[in-house]
């Protein structure tokens, strides 16, 4: 099963798995140390470039193409919208990912960069929002609770949350019969991802 990488949700799930391992093994542990170790490991994987190189080496495994993406972006430009792409990732990763995502839609002489007025890599979010920058009165879409929603909201930006799990919930509600017990649901990755989002929301709303 293809898994779309999300560092915030994956970190929460990894911590939960580590805690469960120690509980099952009946080993004494300090939860704060587990959090620190997992957090440091994930930071190292990002800062060293291991995550980016791993994803680009096998994009079919980690990235999910959306056939409507190019059409949506072009529609916004045709309506006179100014588009920008803001990311903490290095440009080579963004370029490789965008070319993969749009390779089936773009023509040979087209470039994904032509879809955006501004592309900012290594933006250092959320500090970017409180620094000197020309962006004002924008609508910003993001899937990371703190770097994409809390930060820009405080800077006066309008934000829209991209929550992939809601699609699964909506489809299950309207098109699929409920056939799993509560315990089985709680063992599913999707349930743990939703819990990670909800736990983060507590800090966001506080």
C-alpha atoms as a PDB file:
ATOM      1  CA  UNK A   1       0.000   0.000   0.000  1.00  0.00           C
ATOM      2  CA  UNK A   2       1.387   3.402  -0.997  1.00  0.00           C
ATOM      3  CA  UNK A   3       1.900   5.739   1.948  1.00  0.00           C
ATOM      4  CA  UNK A   4       2.049   9.512   1.563  1.00  0.00           C
ATOM      5  CA  UNK A   5       4.753  10.781   3.873  1.00  0.00           C
ATOM      6  CA  UNK A   6       3.738  13.320   6.492  1.00  0.00           C
ATOM      7  CA  UNK A   7       6.419  13.999   9.123  1.00  0.00           C
ATOM      8  CA  UNK A   8       4.029  15.228  11.821  1.00  0.00           C
ATOM      9  CA  UNK A   9       1.656  12.266  11.636  1.00  0.00           C
ATOM     10  CA  UNK A  10       4.421   9.715  11.084  1.00  0.00           C
ATOM     11  CA  UNK A  11       6.307  11.005  14.118  1.00  0.00           C
ATOM     12  CA  UNK A  12       3.253  10.569  16.351  1.00  0.00           C
ATOM     13  CA  UNK A  13       2.670   7.048  15.030  1.00  0.00           C
ATOM     14  CA  UNK A  14       6.320   6.092  15.472  1.00  0.00           C
ATOM     15  CA  UNK A  15       6.258   7.296  19.077  1.00  0.00           C
ATOM     16  CA  UNK A  16       3.068   5.306  19.665  1.00  0.00           C
ATOM     17  CA  UNK A  17       4.683   2.182  18.183  1.00  0.00           C
ATOM     18  CA  UNK A  18       7.766   2.583  20.374  1.00  0.00           C
ATOM     19  CA  UNK A  19       5.663   2.985  23.501  1.00  0.00           C
ATOM     20  CA  UNK A  20       3.601  -0.064  22.544  1.00  0.00           C
ATOM     21  CA  UNK A  21       6.782  -2.092  22.051  1.00  0.00           C
ATOM     22  CA  UNK A  22       8.026  -1.337  25.559  1.00  0.00           C
ATOM     23  CA  UNK A  23       4.591  -2.007  27.034  1.00  0.00           C
ATOM     24  CA  UNK A  24       4.279  -5.369  25.259  1.00  0.00           C
ATOM     25  CA  UNK A  25       7.807  -6.341  26.297  1.00  0.00           C
ATOM     26  CA  UNK A  26       7.031  -5.282  29.892  1.00  0.00           C
ATOM     27  CA  UNK A  27      10.110  -3.056  29.955  1.00  0.00           C
ATOM     28  CA  UNK A  28      10.437   0.071  32.056  1.00  0.00           C
ATOM     29  CA  UNK A  29      10.825   3.261  30.035  1.00  0.00           C
ATOM     30  CA  UNK A  30      10.576   7.022  30.241  1.00  0.00           C
ATOM     31  CA  UNK A  31       8.131   8.387  27.604  1.00  0.00           C
ATOM     32  CA  UNK A  32      10.011  11.695  27.453  1.00  0.00           C
ATOM     33  CA  UNK A  33      13.179   9.898  26.305  1.00  0.00           C
ATOM     34  CA  UNK A  34      11.249   8.092  23.581  1.00  0.00           C
ATOM     35  CA  UNK A  35       9.903  11.403  22.309  1.00  0.00           C
ATOM     36  CA  UNK A  36      13.360  13.007  22.361  1.00  0.00           C
ATOM     37  CA  UNK A  37      15.037  10.084  20.579  1.00  0.00           C
ATOM     38  CA  UNK A  38      12.375   9.838  17.871  1.00  0.00           C
ATOM     39  CA  UNK A  39      12.371  13.604  17.374  1.00  0.00           C
ATOM     40  CA  UNK A  40      16.169  13.728  17.044  1.00  0.00           C
ATOM     41  CA  UNK A  41      16.172  10.800  14.606  1.00  0.00           C
ATOM     42  CA  UNK A  42      13.550  12.442  12.381  1.00  0.00           C
ATOM     43  CA  UNK A  43      15.370  15.778  12.458  1.00  0.00           C
ATOM     44  CA  UNK A  44      18.585  14.041  11.417  1.00  0.00           C
ATOM     45  CA  UNK A  45      16.832  12.219   8.568  1.00  0.00           C
ATOM     46  CA  UNK A  46      15.517  15.541   7.237  1.00  0.00           C
ATOM     47  CA  UNK A  47      18.551  17.736   7.808  1.00  0.00           C
ATOM     48  CA  UNK A  48      20.947  15.170   6.339  1.00  0.00           C
ATOM     49  CA  UNK A  49      18.815  14.763   3.225  1.00  0.00           C
ATOM     50  CA  UNK A  50      18.145  11.058   3.802  1.00  0.00           C
ATOM     51  CA  UNK A  51      14.380  11.508   3.511  1.00  0.00           C
ATOM     52  CA  UNK A  52      14.567  13.570   0.326  1.00  0.00           C
ATOM     53  CA  UNK A  53      17.033  11.228  -1.380  1.00  0.00           C
ATOM     54  CA  UNK A  54      14.999   8.197  -0.385  1.00  0.00           C
ATOM     55  CA  UNK A  55      11.752   9.591  -1.781  1.00  0.00           C
ATOM     56  CA  UNK A  56      13.299  10.786  -5.047  1.00  0.00           C
ATOM     57  CA  UNK A  57      15.009   7.433  -5.559  1.00  0.00           C
ATOM     58  CA  UNK A  58      11.602   5.716  -5.644  1.00  0.00           C
ATOM     59  CA  UNK A  59       8.871   8.361  -6.115  1.00  0.00           C
ATOM     60  CA  UNK A  60       6.258   5.808  -7.197  1.00  0.00           C
ATOM     61  CA  UNK A  61       6.411   4.347  -3.712  1.00  0.00           C
ATOM     62  CA  UNK A  62       5.904   7.585  -1.797  1.00  0.00           C
ATOM     63  CA  UNK A  63       4.202  10.147  -4.052  1.00  0.00           C
ATOM     64  CA  UNK A  64       0.601   9.888  -5.222  1.00  0.00           C
ATOM     65  CA  UNK A  65      -0.166  11.585  -8.524  1.00  0.00           C
ATOM     66  CA  UNK A  66      -3.339  13.609  -8.936  1.00  0.00           C
ATOM     67  CA  UNK A  67      -4.602  13.919 -12.481  1.00  0.00           C
ATOM     68  CA  UNK A  68      -6.550  17.078 -11.585  1.00  0.00           C
ATOM     69  CA  UNK A  69      -3.598  19.010 -10.149  1.00  0.00           C
ATOM     70  CA  UNK A  70      -2.418  20.654 -13.368  1.00  0.00           C
ATOM     71  CA  UNK A  71      -5.964  21.490 -14.408  1.00  0.00           C
ATOM     72  CA  UNK A  72      -6.646  23.095 -11.026  1.00  0.00           C
ATOM     73  CA  UNK A  73      -3.484  25.222 -11.070  1.00  0.00           C
ATOM     74  CA  UNK A  74      -4.105  26.379 -14.636  1.00  0.00           C
ATOM     75  CA  UNK A  75      -7.696  27.259 -13.746  1.00  0.00           C
ATOM     76  CA  UNK A  76      -6.474  29.497 -10.925  1.00  0.00           C
ATOM     77  CA  UNK A  77      -4.019  31.267 -13.216  1.00  0.00           C
ATOM     78  CA  UNK A  78      -6.676  31.756 -15.893  1.00  0.00           C
ATOM     79  CA  UNK A  79      -8.808  33.479 -13.257  1.00  0.00           C
ATOM     80  CA  UNK A  80      -5.990  35.922 -12.569  1.00  0.00           C
ATOM     81  CA  UNK A  81      -4.737  34.421  -9.311  1.00  0.00           C
ATOM     82  CA  UNK A  82      -1.102  34.872  -8.325  1.00  0.00           C
ATOM     83  CA  UNK A  83       0.302  31.531  -7.158  1.00  0.00           C
ATOM     84  CA  UNK A  84       3.292  30.814  -4.967  1.00  0.00           C
ATOM     85  CA  UNK A  85       4.857  27.635  -3.631  1.00  0.00           C
ATOM     86  CA  UNK A  86       6.379  27.852  -0.153  1.00  0.00           C
ATOM     87  CA  UNK A  87       8.243  24.900   1.344  1.00  0.00           C
ATOM     88  CA  UNK A  88      10.934  24.016   3.847  1.00  0.00           C
ATOM     89  CA  UNK A  89      12.316  21.389   1.477  1.00  0.00           C
ATOM     90  CA  UNK A  90      15.396  22.041  -0.704  1.00  0.00           C
ATOM     91  CA  UNK A  91      14.736  23.028  -4.302  1.00  0.00           C
ATOM     92  CA  UNK A  92      16.159  19.853  -5.852  1.00  0.00           C
ATOM     93  CA  UNK A  93      13.600  17.812  -3.901  1.00  0.00           C
ATOM     94  CA  UNK A  94      10.726  20.129  -4.852  1.00  0.00           C
ATOM     95  CA  UNK A  95      11.795  20.115  -8.495  1.00  0.00           C
ATOM     96  CA  UNK A  96      12.075  16.334  -8.623  1.00  0.00           C
ATOM     97  CA  UNK A  97       8.751  15.857  -6.868  1.00  0.00           C
ATOM     98  CA  UNK A  98       6.832  18.345  -9.010  1.00  0.00           C
ATOM     99  CA  UNK A  99       8.265  16.959 -12.245  1.00  0.00           C
ATOM    100  CA  UNK A 100       7.187  13.479 -11.173  1.00  0.00           C
ATOM    101  CA  UNK A 101       3.716  14.626 -10.118  1.00  0.00           C
ATOM    102  CA  UNK A 102       3.069  16.442 -13.406  1.00  0.00           C
ATOM    103  CA  UNK A 103       5.080  14.376 -15.894  1.00  0.00           C
ATOM    104  CA  UNK A 104       1.924  12.788 -17.327  1.00  0.00           C
ATOM    105  CA  UNK A 105       0.159  16.140 -17.759  1.00  0.00           C
ATOM    106  CA  UNK A 106       2.772  18.669 -18.874  1.00  0.00           C
ATOM    107  CA  UNK A 107       3.949  18.944 -22.451  1.00  0.00           C
ATOM    108  CA  UNK A 108       7.586  18.362 -23.375  1.00  0.00           C
ATOM    109  CA  UNK A 109       8.379  22.083 -23.418  1.00  0.00           C
ATOM    110  CA  UNK A 110       6.314  22.999 -20.365  1.00  0.00           C
ATOM    111  CA  UNK A 111       7.745  23.450 -16.881  1.00  0.00           C
ATOM    112  CA  UNK A 112       5.927  23.253 -13.565  1.00  0.00           C
ATOM    113  CA  UNK A 113       7.686  26.479 -12.529  1.00  0.00           C
ATOM    114  CA  UNK A 114       5.613  28.382 -15.091  1.00  0.00           C
ATOM    115  CA  UNK A 115       2.547  27.625 -12.964  1.00  0.00           C
ATOM    116  CA  UNK A 116       3.823  29.733 -10.055  1.00  0.00           C
ATOM    117  CA  UNK A 117       4.754  33.387  -9.821  1.00  0.00           C
ATOM    118  CA  UNK A 118       7.092  32.703  -6.907  1.00  0.00           C
ATOM    119  CA  UNK A 119       8.785  29.527  -5.649  1.00  0.00           C
ATOM    120  CA  UNK A 120      10.487  29.651  -2.239  1.00  0.00           C
ATOM    121  CA  UNK A 121      12.470  26.641  -1.019  1.00  0.00           C
ATOM    122  CA  UNK A 122      14.131  26.230   2.392  1.00  0.00           C
ATOM    123  CA  UNK A 123      11.682  28.808   3.727  1.00  0.00           C
ATOM    124  CA  UNK A 124      12.361  27.995   7.387  1.00  0.00           C
ATOM    125  CA  UNK A 125       8.700  27.800   8.345  1.00  0.00           C
ATOM    126  CA  UNK A 126       7.193  28.761  10.738  1.00  0.00           C
ATOM    127  CA  UNK A 127       9.788  31.523  11.320  1.00  0.00           C
ATOM    128  CA  UNK A 128       9.181  32.688   7.757  1.00  0.00           C
ATOM    129  CA  UNK A 129       5.788  34.122   8.671  1.00  0.00           C
ATOM    130  CA  UNK A 130       7.176  36.482  11.304  1.00  0.00           C
ATOM    131  CA  UNK A 131      10.122  37.639   9.183  1.00  0.00           C
ATOM    132  CA  UNK A 132      10.241  40.465   6.661  1.00  0.00           C
ATOM    133  CA  UNK A 133       8.446  39.261   3.545  1.00  0.00           C
ATOM    134  CA  UNK A 134       6.125  40.804   0.933  1.00  0.00           C
ATOM    135  CA  UNK A 135       3.215  38.369   1.252  1.00  0.00           C
ATOM    136  CA  UNK A 136      -0.015  39.854   2.565  1.00  0.00           C
ATOM    137  CA  UNK A 137      -3.695  38.962   2.249  1.00  0.00           C
ATOM    138  CA  UNK A 138      -3.172  35.485   0.862  1.00  0.00           C
ATOM    139  CA  UNK A 139      -4.986  32.161   1.003  1.00  0.00           C
ATOM    140  CA  UNK A 140      -2.519  29.493   2.069  1.00  0.00           C
ATOM    141  CA  UNK A 141      -3.147  25.745   1.761  1.00  0.00           C
ATOM    142  CA  UNK A 142      -1.135  23.370   3.928  1.00  0.00           C
ATOM    143  CA  UNK A 143      -1.213  19.986   5.653  1.00  0.00           C
ATOM    144  CA  UNK A 144       1.112  20.625   8.606  1.00  0.00           C
ATOM    145  CA  UNK A 145      -0.670  21.884  11.692  1.00  0.00           C
ATOM    146  CA  UNK A 146       2.058  24.149  13.045  1.00  0.00           C
ATOM    147  CA  UNK A 147       4.232  25.204  10.101  1.00  0.00           C
ATOM    148  CA  UNK A 148       1.352  25.542   7.602  1.00  0.00           C
ATOM    149  CA  UNK A 149      -1.625  26.628   9.718  1.00  0.00           C
ATOM    150  CA  UNK A 150      -0.733  28.081  13.095  1.00  0.00           C
ATOM    151  CA  UNK A 151       2.188  30.194  11.859  1.00  0.00           C
ATOM    152  CA  UNK A 152       0.491  31.864   8.882  1.00  0.00           C
ATOM    153  CA  UNK A 153      -2.732  32.373  10.854  1.00  0.00           C
ATOM    154  CA  UNK A 154      -0.824  34.435  13.412  1.00  0.00           C
ATOM    155  CA  UNK A 155       0.700  36.431  10.538  1.00  0.00           C
ATOM    156  CA  UNK A 156      -2.773  37.359   9.304  1.00  0.00           C
ATOM    157  CA  UNK A 157      -2.962  34.906   6.411  1.00  0.00           C
ATOM    158  CA  UNK A 158      -6.135  33.020   5.590  1.00  0.00           C
ATOM    159  CA  UNK A 159      -5.440  29.297   5.768  1.00  0.00           C
ATOM    160  CA  UNK A 160      -7.033  26.105   4.500  1.00  0.00           C
ATOM    161  CA  UNK A 161      -6.159  22.728   6.004  1.00  0.00           C
ATOM    162  CA  UNK A 162      -5.560  19.750   3.721  1.00  0.00           C
ATOM    163  CA  UNK A 163      -6.633  16.703   5.745  1.00  0.00           C
ATOM    164  CA  UNK A 164      -6.275  13.565   3.664  1.00  0.00           C
ATOM    165  CA  UNK A 165      -7.945  11.365   6.275  1.00  0.00           C
ATOM    166  CA  UNK A 166     -11.249  13.230   5.900  1.00  0.00           C
ATOM    167  CA  UNK A 167     -11.598  11.841   2.382  1.00  0.00           C
ATOM    168  CA  UNK A 168     -11.421   8.306   3.752  1.00  0.00           C
ATOM    169  CA  UNK A 169     -13.934   9.127   6.493  1.00  0.00           C
ATOM    170  CA  UNK A 170     -16.398  10.711   4.059  1.00  0.00           C
ATOM    171  CA  UNK A 171     -16.169   7.827   1.600  1.00  0.00           C
ATOM    172  CA  UNK A 172     -16.620   5.337   4.419  1.00  0.00           C
ATOM    173  CA  UNK A 173     -19.640   7.230   5.730  1.00  0.00           C
ATOM    174  CA  UNK A 174     -21.500   7.444   2.431  1.00  0.00           C
ATOM    175  CA  UNK A 175     -20.311   4.521   0.332  1.00  0.00           C
ATOM    176  CA  UNK A 176     -18.936   1.771   2.564  1.00  0.00           C
ATOM    177  CA  UNK A 177     -20.780  -0.233   5.228  1.00  0.00           C
ATOM    178  CA  UNK A 178     -19.314  -0.069   8.723  1.00  0.00           C
ATOM    179  CA  UNK A 179     -18.000  -3.569   9.349  1.00  0.00           C
ATOM    180  CA  UNK A 180     -15.073  -3.200  11.750  1.00  0.00           C
ATOM    181  CA  UNK A 181     -15.157  -3.371  15.514  1.00  0.00           C
ATOM    182  CA  UNK A 182     -13.897  -0.410  17.542  1.00  0.00           C
ATOM    183  CA  UNK A 183     -10.737  -2.299  18.502  1.00  0.00           C
ATOM    184  CA  UNK A 184      -9.957  -3.145  14.884  1.00  0.00           C
ATOM    185  CA  UNK A 185     -10.409   0.478  13.845  1.00  0.00           C
ATOM    186  CA  UNK A 186      -8.021   1.670  16.537  1.00  0.00           C
ATOM    187  CA  UNK A 187      -5.362  -0.662  15.155  1.00  0.00           C
ATOM    188  CA  UNK A 188      -5.582   0.870  11.687  1.00  0.00           C
ATOM    189  CA  UNK A 189      -2.949   3.410  10.564  1.00  0.00           C
ATOM    190  CA  UNK A 190      -5.685   5.819   9.469  1.00  0.00           C
ATOM    191  CA  UNK A 191      -7.110   5.927  12.998  1.00  0.00           C
ATOM    192  CA  UNK A 192      -3.709   6.686  14.502  1.00  0.00           C
ATOM    193  CA  UNK A 193      -3.128   9.438  11.935  1.00  0.00           C
ATOM    194  CA  UNK A 194      -6.451  11.032  12.887  1.00  0.00           C
ATOM    195  CA  UNK A 195      -5.546  10.872  16.569  1.00  0.00           C
ATOM    196  CA  UNK A 196      -2.201  12.535  15.854  1.00  0.00           C
ATOM    197  CA  UNK A 197      -4.007  15.378  14.094  1.00  0.00           C
ATOM    198  CA  UNK A 198      -6.521  15.801  16.916  1.00  0.00           C
ATOM    199  CA  UNK A 199      -3.823  15.827  19.591  1.00  0.00           C
ATOM    200  CA  UNK A 200      -1.944  18.479  17.657  1.00  0.00           C
ATOM    201  CA  UNK A 201      -5.121  20.530  17.324  1.00  0.00           C
ATOM    202  CA  UNK A 202      -5.254  20.905  21.094  1.00  0.00           C
ATOM    203  CA  UNK A 203      -1.980  22.813  21.019  1.00  0.00           C
ATOM    204  CA  UNK A 204      -3.073  24.777  17.960  1.00  0.00           C
ATOM    205  CA  UNK A 205      -6.292  25.991  19.557  1.00  0.00           C
ATOM    206  CA  UNK A 206      -4.804  26.629  22.995  1.00  0.00           C
END
